[in-house]
Amino acid sequence: MKVLIIQKKMIGDVLTTSILFEALKKEFPKAQLHYLVMKHTTPVIKNNPFIDRVFIIDNDKDSSITKILKTEGYDIIVDSYSKVATGLLSLKIGAKKRIGYKKWYSWLTYNLAYSPIPKSKNGVALAIENRFQLISSFAEQIDYSITPKIYITEEEKQAVRKKMEASDLDFNKPIFMLNVLGSSEDKTYPLHYFAELTDTIVKHTPHAQLLFNYIPSQLESANAIYDKCKPETQQQIFFDLYGNSLREFIILTSFCTALIGNEGGAVNMAKAVNVPTFAIFSPWVRTETWAIEKEHTTNKAIHLKQFFPELFTDYKRKAFHKRQAELYKKFTPDLISPKLNSFLDNLK
């Protein structure tokens, strides 16, 4: 059996979709499993032992990939991305079985299309449940305990460890990676609020060493948070120690005691290297998609809904997106701090 799985753009989605490879290899050890992704997402699937081959495209207009993939002779295509471009690509490649999510065009592009389910049936996050649904028509023994994993070599770890040691980090003290900024402004906890939470971490764990996750284009916003922190907090921040690449960020995070901050790809990557996470969700994003609803000591998801459930009785994504700034104002640090302190206590 030869299978192509497609998931192109978002790094967190490419990582999450990689669970399908482990699940399929468990049931079909001899299957040939290929992955089509965009170049910038490859650091999260590097060294994955369940992926037999990775096809990389640089942009959505890369038409040369169609001819290449047609020669592979796939039995099944699983289009986890399920946009018009990948749906048409699935059709052109010509696999007998083409699977995707139900869209207005899916009758043309897929033999089998699934509607995302609104509530998990197997006690896992919906992002994982809905991906497993895509292979349920031909995989009968899906292991729902499988979670995304990132594979790091010992050589990679040693190289990054030397960089950390050169910055005078003490590996005998707690190291926290702070995801200070979300993937966009509407997924970013207000900067002055985040500075207050950073102060809380240092007050509760005085020997904490803090790393900021940001990229050069976010330097101004990261500096704004740093400047709003108390002087004693600033002394604990290793501001100039950050990942120069996505892969380096992942490896830096693997050395950390926990990752704390805005929900997004960074949280998923931390989980994938077995680092506990404390994720602050934007008010307009449902926790059910990326986190298990029940309380969990290792990975905590914090959402405004937990404090003001009455605000979410009539949830409509677009309407709440428009109100995200107003809702973020209600999501004050004093609501989050007790749960953050409890999380820090559990790490001890």
C-alpha atoms as a PDB file:
ATOM      1  CA  MET A   1       0.000   0.000   0.000  1.00  0.00           C
ATOM      2  CA  LYS A   2       1.310   3.428  -0.956  1.00  0.00           C
ATOM      3  CA  VAL A   3      -0.161   6.514   0.698  1.00  0.00           C
ATOM      4  CA  LEU A   4       0.384  10.242   0.179  1.00  0.00           C
ATOM      5  CA  ILE A   5      -0.640  12.579   3.006  1.00  0.00           C
ATOM      6  CA  ILE A   6      -0.961  16.297   2.257  1.00  0.00           C
ATOM      7  CA  GLN A   7      -0.735  19.109   4.829  1.00  0.00           C
ATOM      8  CA  LYS A   8       1.023  22.138   3.448  1.00  0.00           C
ATOM      9  CA  LYS A   9       1.185  25.444   5.262  1.00  0.00           C
ATOM     10  CA  MET A  10       0.846  25.762   9.024  1.00  0.00           C
ATOM     11  CA  ILE A  11       3.676  24.354  11.116  1.00  0.00           C
ATOM     12  CA  GLY A  12       1.401  23.192  13.945  1.00  0.00           C
ATOM     13  CA  ASP A  13      -0.898  21.456  11.453  1.00  0.00           C
ATOM     14  CA  VAL A  14       1.998  19.677   9.747  1.00  0.00           C
ATOM     15  CA  LEU A  15       3.212  18.454  13.140  1.00  0.00           C
ATOM     16  CA  THR A  16      -0.253  17.326  14.251  1.00  0.00           C
ATOM     17  CA  THR A  17      -0.957  15.524  10.980  1.00  0.00           C
ATOM     18  CA  SER A  18       2.264  13.530  11.431  1.00  0.00           C
ATOM     19  CA  ILE A  19       0.389  11.304  13.921  1.00  0.00           C
ATOM     20  CA  LEU A  20      -1.198   9.576  10.910  1.00  0.00           C
ATOM     21  CA  PHE A  21       2.173   8.154   9.884  1.00  0.00           C
ATOM     22  CA  GLU A  22       2.781   6.463  13.217  1.00  0.00           C
ATOM     23  CA  ALA A  23      -0.787   5.137  13.314  1.00  0.00           C
ATOM     24  CA  LEU A  24      -0.581   3.726   9.785  1.00  0.00           C
ATOM     25  CA  LYS A  25       2.872   2.183  10.271  1.00  0.00           C
ATOM     26  CA  LYS A  26       1.607   0.363  13.354  1.00  0.00           C
ATOM     27  CA  GLU A  27      -1.186  -1.257  11.365  1.00  0.00           C
ATOM     28  CA  PHE A  28       0.571  -1.496   7.995  1.00  0.00           C
ATOM     29  CA  PRO A  29       4.325  -1.884   8.681  1.00  0.00           C
ATOM     30  CA  LYS A  30       5.158  -2.442   5.002  1.00  0.00           C
ATOM     31  CA  ALA A  31       3.162   0.526   3.698  1.00  0.00           C
ATOM     32  CA  GLN A  32       5.032   3.294   1.891  1.00  0.00           C
ATOM     33  CA  LEU A  33       4.000   6.587   3.462  1.00  0.00           C
ATOM     34  CA  HIS A  34       4.856   9.920   1.835  1.00  0.00           C
ATOM     35  CA  TYR A  35       4.256  13.485   3.066  1.00  0.00           C
ATOM     36  CA  LEU A  36       3.718  16.637   0.965  1.00  0.00           C
ATOM     37  CA  VAL A  37       4.512  19.831   2.896  1.00  0.00           C
ATOM     38  CA  MET A  38       5.892  23.316   2.381  1.00  0.00           C
ATOM     39  CA  LYS A  39       9.570  23.934   2.974  1.00  0.00           C
ATOM     40  CA  HIS A  40       9.290  26.105   6.096  1.00  0.00           C
ATOM     41  CA  THR A  41       7.416  23.363   7.995  1.00  0.00           C
ATOM     42  CA  THR A  42      10.019  20.587   7.613  1.00  0.00           C
ATOM     43  CA  PRO A  43      11.859  21.175  10.934  1.00  0.00           C
ATOM     44  CA  VAL A  44       8.976  19.597  12.864  1.00  0.00           C
ATOM     45  CA  ILE A  45       9.091  16.338  10.867  1.00  0.00           C
ATOM     46  CA  LYS A  46      12.862  15.993  10.473  1.00  0.00           C
ATOM     47  CA  ASN A  47      14.091  12.493  11.469  1.00  0.00           C
ATOM     48  CA  ASN A  48      10.532  11.162  11.848  1.00  0.00           C
ATOM     49  CA  PRO A  49      11.018   7.375  11.501  1.00  0.00           C
ATOM     50  CA  PHE A  50       7.465   6.721  10.293  1.00  0.00           C
ATOM     51  CA  ILE A  51       7.688   8.950   7.201  1.00  0.00           C
ATOM     52  CA  ASP A  52       9.305   7.177   4.248  1.00  0.00           C
ATOM     53  CA  ARG A  53       9.616  10.198   1.983  1.00  0.00           C
ATOM     54  CA  VAL A  54       8.946  13.927   2.163  1.00  0.00           C
ATOM     55  CA  PHE A  55       8.019  15.988  -0.895  1.00  0.00           C
ATOM     56  CA  ILE A  56       8.668  19.705  -0.466  1.00  0.00           C
ATOM     57  CA  ILE A  57       7.118  22.616  -2.320  1.00  0.00           C
ATOM     58  CA  ASP A  58       8.042  26.272  -1.948  1.00  0.00           C
ATOM     59  CA  ASN A  59       4.662  27.804  -2.746  1.00  0.00           C
ATOM     60  CA  ASP A  60       1.069  27.073  -3.729  1.00  0.00           C
ATOM     61  CA  LYS A  61       1.812  27.670  -7.419  1.00  0.00           C
ATOM     62  CA  ASP A  62       4.416  24.912  -7.734  1.00  0.00           C
ATOM     63  CA  SER A  63       2.871  22.955 -10.629  1.00  0.00           C
ATOM     64  CA  SER A  64       5.915  20.750 -11.231  1.00  0.00           C
ATOM     65  CA  ILE A  65       5.015  18.619  -8.220  1.00  0.00           C
ATOM     66  CA  THR A  66       1.945  17.203 -10.003  1.00  0.00           C
ATOM     67  CA  LYS A  67       4.015  15.393 -12.641  1.00  0.00           C
ATOM     68  CA  ILE A  68       6.376  14.026 -10.005  1.00  0.00           C
ATOM     69  CA  LEU A  69       3.608  12.691  -7.759  1.00  0.00           C
ATOM     70  CA  LYS A  70       1.662  11.134 -10.661  1.00  0.00           C
ATOM     71  CA  THR A  71       4.590   8.774 -11.297  1.00  0.00           C
ATOM     72  CA  GLU A  72       4.481   7.443  -7.721  1.00  0.00           C
ATOM     73  CA  GLY A  73       1.329   5.368  -8.244  1.00  0.00           C
ATOM     74  CA  TYR A  74      -0.429   6.068  -4.955  1.00  0.00           C
ATOM     75  CA  ASP A  75      -3.234   3.819  -3.751  1.00  0.00           C
ATOM     76  CA  ILE A  76      -4.582   6.412  -1.316  1.00  0.00           C
ATOM     77  CA  ILE A  77      -4.287  10.176  -0.924  1.00  0.00           C
ATOM     78  CA  VAL A  78      -5.241  11.741   2.412  1.00  0.00           C
ATOM     79  CA  ASP A  79      -5.640  15.499   2.015  1.00  0.00           C
ATOM     80  CA  SER A  80      -5.577  16.853   5.550  1.00  0.00           C
ATOM     81  CA  TYR A  81      -5.199  20.388   4.180  1.00  0.00           C
ATOM     82  CA  SER A  82      -8.341  20.120   2.015  1.00  0.00           C
ATOM     83  CA  LYS A  83      -8.145  23.422   0.173  1.00  0.00           C
ATOM     84  CA  VAL A  84      -9.138  23.872  -3.471  1.00  0.00           C
ATOM     85  CA  ALA A  85      -5.525  23.638  -4.676  1.00  0.00           C
ATOM     86  CA  THR A  86      -4.745  20.403  -2.831  1.00  0.00           C
ATOM     87  CA  GLY A  87      -8.127  18.930  -3.702  1.00  0.00           C
ATOM     88  CA  LEU A  88      -7.432  19.474  -7.405  1.00  0.00           C
ATOM     89  CA  LEU A  89      -3.901  18.143  -6.925  1.00  0.00           C
ATOM     90  CA  SER A  90      -5.363  14.970  -5.404  1.00  0.00           C
ATOM     91  CA  LEU A  91      -7.633  14.600  -8.414  1.00  0.00           C
ATOM     92  CA  LYS A  92      -4.808  15.114 -10.912  1.00  0.00           C
ATOM     93  CA  ILE A  93      -2.506  12.603  -9.210  1.00  0.00           C
ATOM     94  CA  GLY A  94      -5.185  10.010  -9.802  1.00  0.00           C
ATOM     95  CA  ALA A  95      -5.163   7.724  -6.757  1.00  0.00           C
ATOM     96  CA  LYS A  96      -8.133   5.372  -6.630  1.00  0.00           C
ATOM     97  CA  LYS A  97      -9.003   6.498  -3.101  1.00  0.00           C
ATOM     98  CA  ARG A  98      -8.901  10.207  -2.326  1.00  0.00           C
ATOM     99  CA  ILE A  99      -9.922  11.405   1.137  1.00  0.00           C
ATOM    100  CA  GLY A 100     -10.405  14.911   2.509  1.00  0.00           C
ATOM    101  CA  TYR A 101     -12.674  17.145   4.556  1.00  0.00           C
ATOM    102  CA  LYS A 102     -16.141  17.962   3.293  1.00  0.00           C
ATOM    103  CA  LYS A 103     -16.166  21.270   1.382  1.00  0.00           C
ATOM    104  CA  TRP A 104     -18.355  22.631  -1.414  1.00  0.00           C
ATOM    105  CA  TYR A 105     -15.952  21.207  -4.007  1.00  0.00           C
ATOM    106  CA  SER A 106     -15.245  17.856  -2.315  1.00  0.00           C
ATOM    107  CA  TRP A 107     -17.715  15.963  -4.532  1.00  0.00           C
ATOM    108  CA  LEU A 108     -15.341  16.621  -7.413  1.00  0.00           C
ATOM    109  CA  THR A 109     -11.963  16.094  -5.750  1.00  0.00           C
ATOM    110  CA  TYR A 110     -12.467  13.261  -3.242  1.00  0.00           C
ATOM    111  CA  ASN A 111     -14.097   9.818  -3.203  1.00  0.00           C
ATOM    112  CA  LEU A 112     -14.687  10.174   0.521  1.00  0.00           C
ATOM    113  CA  ALA A 113     -15.130  13.401   2.480  1.00  0.00           C
ATOM    114  CA  TYR A 114     -15.606  13.822   6.221  1.00  0.00           C
ATOM    115  CA  SER A 115     -17.203  16.671   8.131  1.00  0.00           C
ATOM    116  CA  PRO A 116     -15.103  17.614  11.183  1.00  0.00           C
ATOM    117  CA  ILE A 117     -16.784  16.328  14.307  1.00  0.00           C
ATOM    118  CA  PRO A 118     -17.736  18.963  16.936  1.00  0.00           C
ATOM    119  CA  LYS A 119     -16.977  16.833  20.010  1.00  0.00           C
ATOM    120  CA  SER A 120     -14.324  14.220  20.673  1.00  0.00           C
ATOM    121  CA  LYS A 121     -15.460  10.606  20.957  1.00  0.00           C
ATOM    122  CA  ASN A 122     -12.132   9.216  22.151  1.00  0.00           C
ATOM    123  CA  GLY A 123     -10.984  11.688  24.791  1.00  0.00           C
ATOM    124  CA  VAL A 124      -8.433  13.479  22.613  1.00  0.00           C
ATOM    125  CA  ALA A 125      -8.224  17.006  21.212  1.00  0.00           C
ATOM    126  CA  LEU A 126     -10.432  17.588  18.180  1.00  0.00           C
ATOM    127  CA  ALA A 127      -7.443  18.445  15.999  1.00  0.00           C
ATOM    128  CA  ILE A 128      -6.200  14.893  16.592  1.00  0.00           C
ATOM    129  CA  GLU A 129      -9.603  13.193  16.479  1.00  0.00           C
ATOM    130  CA  ASN A 130     -10.493  14.739  13.124  1.00  0.00           C
ATOM    131  CA  ARG A 131      -7.198  13.708  11.580  1.00  0.00           C
ATOM    132  CA  PHE A 132      -7.661  10.127  12.687  1.00  0.00           C
ATOM    133  CA  GLN A 133     -11.140  10.262  11.135  1.00  0.00           C
ATOM    134  CA  LEU A 134      -9.485  10.742   7.731  1.00  0.00           C
ATOM    135  CA  ILE A 135      -7.881   7.283   7.848  1.00  0.00           C
ATOM    136  CA  SER A 136     -10.745   5.476   9.587  1.00  0.00           C
ATOM    137  CA  SER A 137     -12.141   4.057   6.323  1.00  0.00           C
ATOM    138  CA  PHE A 138      -9.092   1.850   5.767  1.00  0.00           C
ATOM    139  CA  ALA A 139      -7.348   1.702   9.166  1.00  0.00           C
ATOM    140  CA  GLU A 140      -9.269  -0.435  11.645  1.00  0.00           C
ATOM    141  CA  GLN A 141      -6.897  -0.392  14.635  1.00  0.00           C
ATOM    142  CA  ILE A 142      -6.212   3.300  15.248  1.00  0.00           C
ATOM    143  CA  ASP A 143      -4.266   3.943  18.437  1.00  0.00           C
ATOM    144  CA  TYR A 144      -5.830   7.115  19.833  1.00  0.00           C
ATOM    145  CA  SER A 145      -3.061   7.458  22.405  1.00  0.00           C
ATOM    146  CA  ILE A 146      -0.619   8.528  19.674  1.00  0.00           C
ATOM    147  CA  THR A 147       0.443  12.149  20.001  1.00  0.00           C
ATOM    148  CA  PRO A 148       2.679  14.342  17.822  1.00  0.00           C
ATOM    149  CA  LYS A 149       6.398  13.784  18.362  1.00  0.00           C
ATOM    150  CA  ILE A 150       9.520  15.617  17.234  1.00  0.00           C
ATOM    151  CA  TYR A 151      12.723  13.620  16.912  1.00  0.00           C
ATOM    152  CA  ILE A 152      15.987  15.283  17.941  1.00  0.00           C
ATOM    153  CA  THR A 153      19.430  13.742  17.532  1.00  0.00           C
ATOM    154  CA  GLU A 154      22.025  13.719  20.288  1.00  0.00           C
ATOM    155  CA  GLU A 155      24.353  15.766  18.079  1.00  0.00           C
ATOM    156  CA  GLU A 156      21.691  18.469  17.714  1.00  0.00           C
ATOM    157  CA  LYS A 157      21.123  18.566  21.471  1.00  0.00           C
ATOM    158  CA  GLN A 158      24.807  18.880  22.282  1.00  0.00           C
ATOM    159  CA  ALA A 159      25.295  21.770  19.846  1.00  0.00           C
ATOM    160  CA  VAL A 160      22.424  23.762  21.387  1.00  0.00           C
ATOM    161  CA  ARG A 161      23.472  22.861  24.920  1.00  0.00           C
ATOM    162  CA  LYS A 162      26.886  24.455  24.271  1.00  0.00           C
ATOM    163  CA  LYS A 163      25.135  27.644  23.151  1.00  0.00           C
ATOM    164  CA  MET A 164      23.056  27.659  26.339  1.00  0.00           C
ATOM    165  CA  GLU A 165      26.114  27.076  28.509  1.00  0.00           C
ATOM    166  CA  ALA A 166      27.874  29.967  26.773  1.00  0.00           C
ATOM    167  CA  SER A 167      24.981  32.187  27.916  1.00  0.00           C
ATOM    168  CA  ASP A 168      25.610  31.099  31.529  1.00  0.00           C
ATOM    169  CA  LEU A 169      22.371  29.173  31.944  1.00  0.00           C
ATOM    170  CA  ASP A 170      22.381  26.931  35.005  1.00  0.00           C
ATOM    171  CA  PHE A 171      20.879  23.546  34.140  1.00  0.00           C
ATOM    172  CA  ASN A 172      20.335  22.855  37.848  1.00  0.00           C
ATOM    173  CA  LYS A 173      17.745  25.635  38.025  1.00  0.00           C
ATOM    174  CA  PRO A 174      14.321  25.862  36.328  1.00  0.00           C
ATOM    175  CA  ILE A 175      14.341  27.092  32.738  1.00  0.00           C
ATOM    176  CA  PHE A 176      11.075  28.400  31.310  1.00  0.00           C
ATOM    177  CA  MET A 177      10.443  29.151  27.640  1.00  0.00           C
ATOM    178  CA  LEU A 178       7.921  31.990  27.423  1.00  0.00           C
ATOM    179  CA  ASN A 179       5.857  32.124  24.255  1.00  0.00           C
ATOM    180  CA  VAL A 180       5.438  35.869  24.660  1.00  0.00           C
ATOM    181  CA  LEU A 181       3.703  36.456  21.317  1.00  0.00           C
ATOM    182  CA  GLY A 182       1.058  34.530  19.414  1.00  0.00           C
ATOM    183  CA  SER A 183       1.135  33.799  15.705  1.00  0.00           C
ATOM    184  CA  SER A 184      -0.888  36.985  15.136  1.00  0.00           C
ATOM    185  CA  GLU A 185      -2.085  39.980  17.133  1.00  0.00           C
ATOM    186  CA  ASP A 186      -5.523  38.439  17.668  1.00  0.00           C
ATOM    187  CA  LYS A 187      -3.851  35.414  19.289  1.00  0.00           C
ATOM    188  CA  THR A 188      -1.525  37.427  21.536  1.00  0.00           C
ATOM    189  CA  TYR A 189      -2.259  38.035  25.213  1.00  0.00           C
ATOM    190  CA  PRO A 190      -1.965  41.811  25.886  1.00  0.00           C
ATOM    191  CA  LEU A 191       1.691  42.710  26.352  1.00  0.00           C
ATOM    192  CA  HIS A 192       1.290  44.499  29.691  1.00  0.00           C
ATOM    193  CA  TYR A 193      -0.729  41.562  31.018  1.00  0.00           C
ATOM    194  CA  PHE A 194       1.985  39.151  29.902  1.00  0.00           C
ATOM    195  CA  ALA A 195       4.616  41.215  31.702  1.00  0.00           C
ATOM    196  CA  GLU A 196       2.588  40.865  34.924  1.00  0.00           C
ATOM    197  CA  LEU A 197       2.478  37.086  34.489  1.00  0.00           C
ATOM    198  CA  THR A 198       6.230  37.060  33.892  1.00  0.00           C
ATOM    199  CA  ASP A 199       6.659  38.864  37.225  1.00  0.00           C
ATOM    200  CA  THR A 200       4.405  36.233  38.814  1.00  0.00           C
ATOM    201  CA  ILE A 201       6.647  33.416  37.577  1.00  0.00           C
ATOM    202  CA  VAL A 202       9.769  34.965  39.093  1.00  0.00           C
ATOM    203  CA  LYS A 203       8.014  35.847  42.359  1.00  0.00           C
ATOM    204  CA  HIS A 204       6.758  32.266  42.705  1.00  0.00           C
ATOM    205  CA  THR A 205       9.968  30.628  41.460  1.00  0.00           C
ATOM    206  CA  PRO A 206      12.807  33.043  42.364  1.00  0.00           C
ATOM    207  CA  HIS A 207      15.533  30.992  40.684  1.00  0.00           C
ATOM    208  CA  ALA A 208      13.651  30.700  37.396  1.00  0.00           C
ATOM    209  CA  GLN A 209      15.588  31.419  34.215  1.00  0.00           C
ATOM    210  CA  LEU A 210      13.404  32.826  31.463  1.00  0.00           C
ATOM    211  CA  LEU A 211      13.813  32.567  27.691  1.00  0.00           C
ATOM    212  CA  PHE A 212      11.655  34.602  25.305  1.00  0.00           C
ATOM    213  CA  ASN A 213      10.399  32.957  22.112  1.00  0.00           C
ATOM    214  CA  TYR A 214      10.360  35.558  19.367  1.00  0.00           C
ATOM    215  CA  ILE A 215      11.709  36.099  15.878  1.00  0.00           C
ATOM    216  CA  PRO A 216      13.646  39.200  14.757  1.00  0.00           C
ATOM    217  CA  SER A 217      10.538  40.824  13.253  1.00  0.00           C
ATOM    218  CA  GLN A 218       8.888  40.607  16.708  1.00  0.00           C
ATOM    219  CA  LEU A 219      11.796  42.215  18.559  1.00  0.00           C
ATOM    220  CA  GLU A 220       9.935  45.448  19.299  1.00  0.00           C
ATOM    221  CA  SER A 221       6.980  43.650  20.917  1.00  0.00           C
ATOM    222  CA  ALA A 222       9.267  41.305  22.863  1.00  0.00           C
ATOM    223  CA  ASN A 223      11.221  44.328  24.120  1.00  0.00           C
ATOM    224  CA  ALA A 224       7.961  45.992  25.164  1.00  0.00           C
ATOM    225  CA  ILE A 225       7.151  43.047  27.434  1.00  0.00           C
ATOM    226  CA  TYR A 226      10.683  43.029  28.851  1.00  0.00           C
ATOM    227  CA  ASP A 227      10.522  46.754  29.582  1.00  0.00           C
ATOM    228  CA  LYS A 228       7.231  46.364  31.471  1.00  0.00           C
ATOM    229  CA  CYS A 229       8.664  43.664  33.756  1.00  0.00           C
ATOM    230  CA  LYS A 230       9.996  44.495  37.208  1.00  0.00           C
ATOM    231  CA  PRO A 231      13.796  44.939  37.509  1.00  0.00           C
ATOM    232  CA  GLU A 232      14.146  41.718  39.524  1.00  0.00           C
ATOM    233  CA  THR A 233      12.299  39.872  36.764  1.00  0.00           C
ATOM    234  CA  GLN A 234      14.459  41.388  34.043  1.00  0.00           C
ATOM    235  CA  GLN A 235      17.536  40.008  35.789  1.00  0.00           C
ATOM    236  CA  GLN A 236      16.177  36.486  35.248  1.00  0.00           C
ATOM    237  CA  ILE A 237      15.476  36.936  31.518  1.00  0.00           C
ATOM    238  CA  PHE A 238      18.066  35.704  29.015  1.00  0.00           C
ATOM    239  CA  PHE A 239      16.714  37.977  26.324  1.00  0.00           C
ATOM    240  CA  ASP A 240      19.411  37.400  23.714  1.00  0.00           C
ATOM    241  CA  LEU A 241      19.221  33.622  23.893  1.00  0.00           C
ATOM    242  CA  TYR A 242      16.604  32.508  21.379  1.00  0.00           C
ATOM    243  CA  GLY A 243      16.251  30.108  18.479  1.00  0.00           C
ATOM    244  CA  ASN A 244      17.893  31.391  15.312  1.00  0.00           C
ATOM    245  CA  SER A 245      15.823  28.849  13.402  1.00  0.00           C
ATOM    246  CA  LEU A 246      12.676  26.858  14.050  1.00  0.00           C
ATOM    247  CA  ARG A 247      14.724  23.718  14.626  1.00  0.00           C
ATOM    248  CA  GLU A 248      16.951  25.491  17.142  1.00  0.00           C
ATOM    249  CA  PHE A 249      13.905  26.824  18.996  1.00  0.00           C
ATOM    250  CA  ILE A 250      12.549  23.274  19.276  1.00  0.00           C
ATOM    251  CA  ILE A 251      15.836  21.998  20.690  1.00  0.00           C
ATOM    252  CA  LEU A 252      16.136  24.937  23.105  1.00  0.00           C
ATOM    253  CA  THR A 253      12.627  24.162  24.321  1.00  0.00           C
ATOM    254  CA  SER A 254      13.511  20.484  24.847  1.00  0.00           C
ATOM    255  CA  PHE A 255      15.911  21.593  27.620  1.00  0.00           C
ATOM    256  CA  CYS A 256      13.241  23.654  29.386  1.00  0.00           C
ATOM    257  CA  THR A 257      11.295  22.831  32.522  1.00  0.00           C
ATOM    258  CA  ALA A 258       8.105  24.097  30.847  1.00  0.00           C
ATOM    259  CA  LEU A 259       6.764  26.348  28.114  1.00  0.00           C
ATOM    260  CA  ILE A 260       4.370  29.078  29.224  1.00  0.00           C
ATOM    261  CA  GLY A 261       2.456  31.553  27.102  1.00  0.00           C
ATOM    262  CA  ASN A 262       0.253  32.103  24.103  1.00  0.00           C
ATOM    263  CA  GLU A 263      -1.385  29.043  22.579  1.00  0.00           C
ATOM    264  CA  GLY A 264      -0.116  28.140  19.137  1.00  0.00           C
ATOM    265  CA  GLY A 265       2.462  26.130  17.268  1.00  0.00           C
ATOM    266  CA  ALA A 266       5.105  26.656  19.953  1.00  0.00           C
ATOM    267  CA  VAL A 267       2.879  24.924  22.509  1.00  0.00           C
ATOM    268  CA  ASN A 268       2.348  21.965  20.184  1.00  0.00           C
ATOM    269  CA  MET A 269       6.087  21.717  19.557  1.00  0.00           C
ATOM    270  CA  ALA A 270       6.835  21.750  23.287  1.00  0.00           C
ATOM    271  CA  LYS A 271       4.357  18.931  23.875  1.00  0.00           C
ATOM    272  CA  ALA A 272       5.998  16.997  21.032  1.00  0.00           C
ATOM    273  CA  VAL A 273       9.339  17.005  22.908  1.00  0.00           C
ATOM    274  CA  ASN A 274       7.650  16.106  26.240  1.00  0.00           C
ATOM    275  CA  VAL A 275       7.916  19.546  27.824  1.00  0.00           C
ATOM    276  CA  PRO A 276       4.960  20.551  30.070  1.00  0.00           C
ATOM    277  CA  THR A 277       2.934  23.499  28.793  1.00  0.00           C
ATOM    278  CA  PHE A 278       0.733  26.253  30.192  1.00  0.00           C
ATOM    279  CA  ALA A 279      -1.210  27.650  27.231  1.00  0.00           C
ATOM    280  CA  ILE A 280      -3.188  30.894  27.289  1.00  0.00           C
ATOM    281  CA  PHE A 281      -5.898  30.679  24.639  1.00  0.00           C
ATOM    282  CA  SER A 282      -7.245  33.646  22.750  1.00  0.00           C
ATOM    283  CA  PRO A 283     -10.907  34.188  23.747  1.00  0.00           C
ATOM    284  CA  TRP A 284     -12.135  33.529  20.197  1.00  0.00           C
ATOM    285  CA  VAL A 285     -10.335  30.150  19.860  1.00  0.00           C
ATOM    286  CA  ARG A 286     -12.002  27.016  21.221  1.00  0.00           C
ATOM    287  CA  THR A 287      -9.807  24.986  23.594  1.00  0.00           C
ATOM    288  CA  GLU A 288     -11.471  21.757  22.455  1.00  0.00           C
ATOM    289  CA  THR A 289      -9.635  21.909  19.134  1.00  0.00           C
ATOM    290  CA  TRP A 290      -6.124  21.755  20.587  1.00  0.00           C
ATOM    291  CA  ALA A 291      -6.517  20.712  24.229  1.00  0.00           C
ATOM    292  CA  ILE A 292      -8.348  18.055  26.204  1.00  0.00           C
ATOM    293  CA  GLU A 293     -11.257  19.559  28.128  1.00  0.00           C
ATOM    294  CA  LYS A 294     -10.594  17.843  31.457  1.00  0.00           C
ATOM    295  CA  GLU A 295      -8.079  19.228  33.966  1.00  0.00           C
ATOM    296  CA  HIS A 296      -4.568  18.039  33.267  1.00  0.00           C
ATOM    297  CA  THR A 297      -1.502  18.582  35.458  1.00  0.00           C
ATOM    298  CA  THR A 298       1.128  18.239  32.728  1.00  0.00           C
ATOM    299  CA  ASN A 299      -0.411  20.464  30.063  1.00  0.00           C
ATOM    300  CA  LYS A 300      -2.800  23.212  31.137  1.00  0.00           C
ATOM    301  CA  ALA A 301      -5.103  25.174  28.840  1.00  0.00           C
ATOM    302  CA  ILE A 302      -6.432  28.482  30.192  1.00  0.00           C
ATOM    303  CA  HIS A 303      -9.389  30.215  28.548  1.00  0.00           C
ATOM    304  CA  LEU A 304     -11.622  33.137  29.481  1.00  0.00           C
ATOM    305  CA  LYS A 305     -14.595  30.768  29.281  1.00  0.00           C
ATOM    306  CA  GLN A 306     -13.400  29.041  32.463  1.00  0.00           C
ATOM    307  CA  PHE A 307     -14.002  32.258  34.398  1.00  0.00           C
ATOM    308  CA  PHE A 308     -16.972  33.754  32.536  1.00  0.00           C
ATOM    309  CA  PRO A 309     -18.928  30.854  31.014  1.00  0.00           C
ATOM    310  CA  GLU A 310     -21.976  33.068  30.582  1.00  0.00           C
ATOM    311  CA  LEU A 311     -20.137  35.036  27.887  1.00  0.00           C
ATOM    312  CA  PHE A 312     -19.867  31.921  25.715  1.00  0.00           C
ATOM    313  CA  THR A 313     -23.400  30.509  25.796  1.00  0.00           C
ATOM    314  CA  ASP A 314     -23.936  31.540  22.173  1.00  0.00           C
ATOM    315  CA  TYR A 315     -20.485  31.001  20.675  1.00  0.00           C
ATOM    316  CA  LYS A 316     -20.031  32.039  17.053  1.00  0.00           C
ATOM    317  CA  ARG A 317     -16.421  32.083  15.864  1.00  0.00           C
ATOM    318  CA  LYS A 318     -16.614  35.145  13.574  1.00  0.00           C
ATOM    319  CA  ALA A 319     -18.536  37.225  16.096  1.00  0.00           C
ATOM    320  CA  PHE A 320     -16.100  36.385  18.890  1.00  0.00           C
ATOM    321  CA  HIS A 321     -13.142  37.086  16.620  1.00  0.00           C
ATOM    322  CA  LYS A 322     -14.404  40.634  16.117  1.00  0.00           C
ATOM    323  CA  ARG A 323     -14.688  41.037  19.903  1.00  0.00           C
ATOM    324  CA  GLN A 324     -11.275  39.564  20.753  1.00  0.00           C
ATOM    325  CA  ALA A 325      -9.735  42.886  21.941  1.00  0.00           C
ATOM    326  CA  GLU A 326     -12.689  43.564  24.248  1.00  0.00           C
ATOM    327  CA  LEU A 327     -12.626  39.995  25.590  1.00  0.00           C
ATOM    328  CA  TYR A 328      -8.862  40.023  26.119  1.00  0.00           C
ATOM    329  CA  LYS A 329      -9.292  43.035  28.453  1.00  0.00           C
ATOM    330  CA  LYS A 330     -11.471  40.881  30.713  1.00  0.00           C
ATOM    331  CA  PHE A 331      -8.811  38.155  30.784  1.00  0.00           C
ATOM    332  CA  THR A 332      -6.767  39.853  33.516  1.00  0.00           C
ATOM    333  CA  PRO A 333      -3.588  38.373  35.043  1.00  0.00           C
ATOM    334  CA  ASP A 334      -5.217  38.024  38.481  1.00  0.00           C
ATOM    335  CA  LEU A 335      -7.509  35.370  36.960  1.00  0.00           C
ATOM    336  CA  ILE A 336      -4.625  33.395  35.519  1.00  0.00           C
ATOM    337  CA  SER A 337      -1.981  33.756  38.260  1.00  0.00           C
ATOM    338  CA  PRO A 338      -3.460  31.240  40.774  1.00  0.00           C
ATOM    339  CA  LYS A 339      -3.662  28.541  38.073  1.00  0.00           C
ATOM    340  CA  LEU A 340      -0.170  29.436  36.854  1.00  0.00           C
ATOM    341  CA  ASN A 341       1.217  29.133  40.381  1.00  0.00           C
ATOM    342  CA  SER A 342      -0.484  25.764  40.786  1.00  0.00           C
ATOM    343  CA  PHE A 343       1.074  24.638  37.507  1.00  0.00           C
ATOM    344  CA  LEU A 344       4.514  25.757  38.719  1.00  0.00           C
ATOM    345  CA  ASP A 345       4.002  23.882  42.004  1.00  0.00           C
ATOM    346  CA  ASN A 346       3.175  20.663  40.134  1.00  0.00           C
ATOM    347  CA  LEU A 347       6.430  20.948  38.186  1.00  0.00           C
ATOM    348  CA  LYS A 348       8.361  20.749  41.440  1.00  0.00           C
END
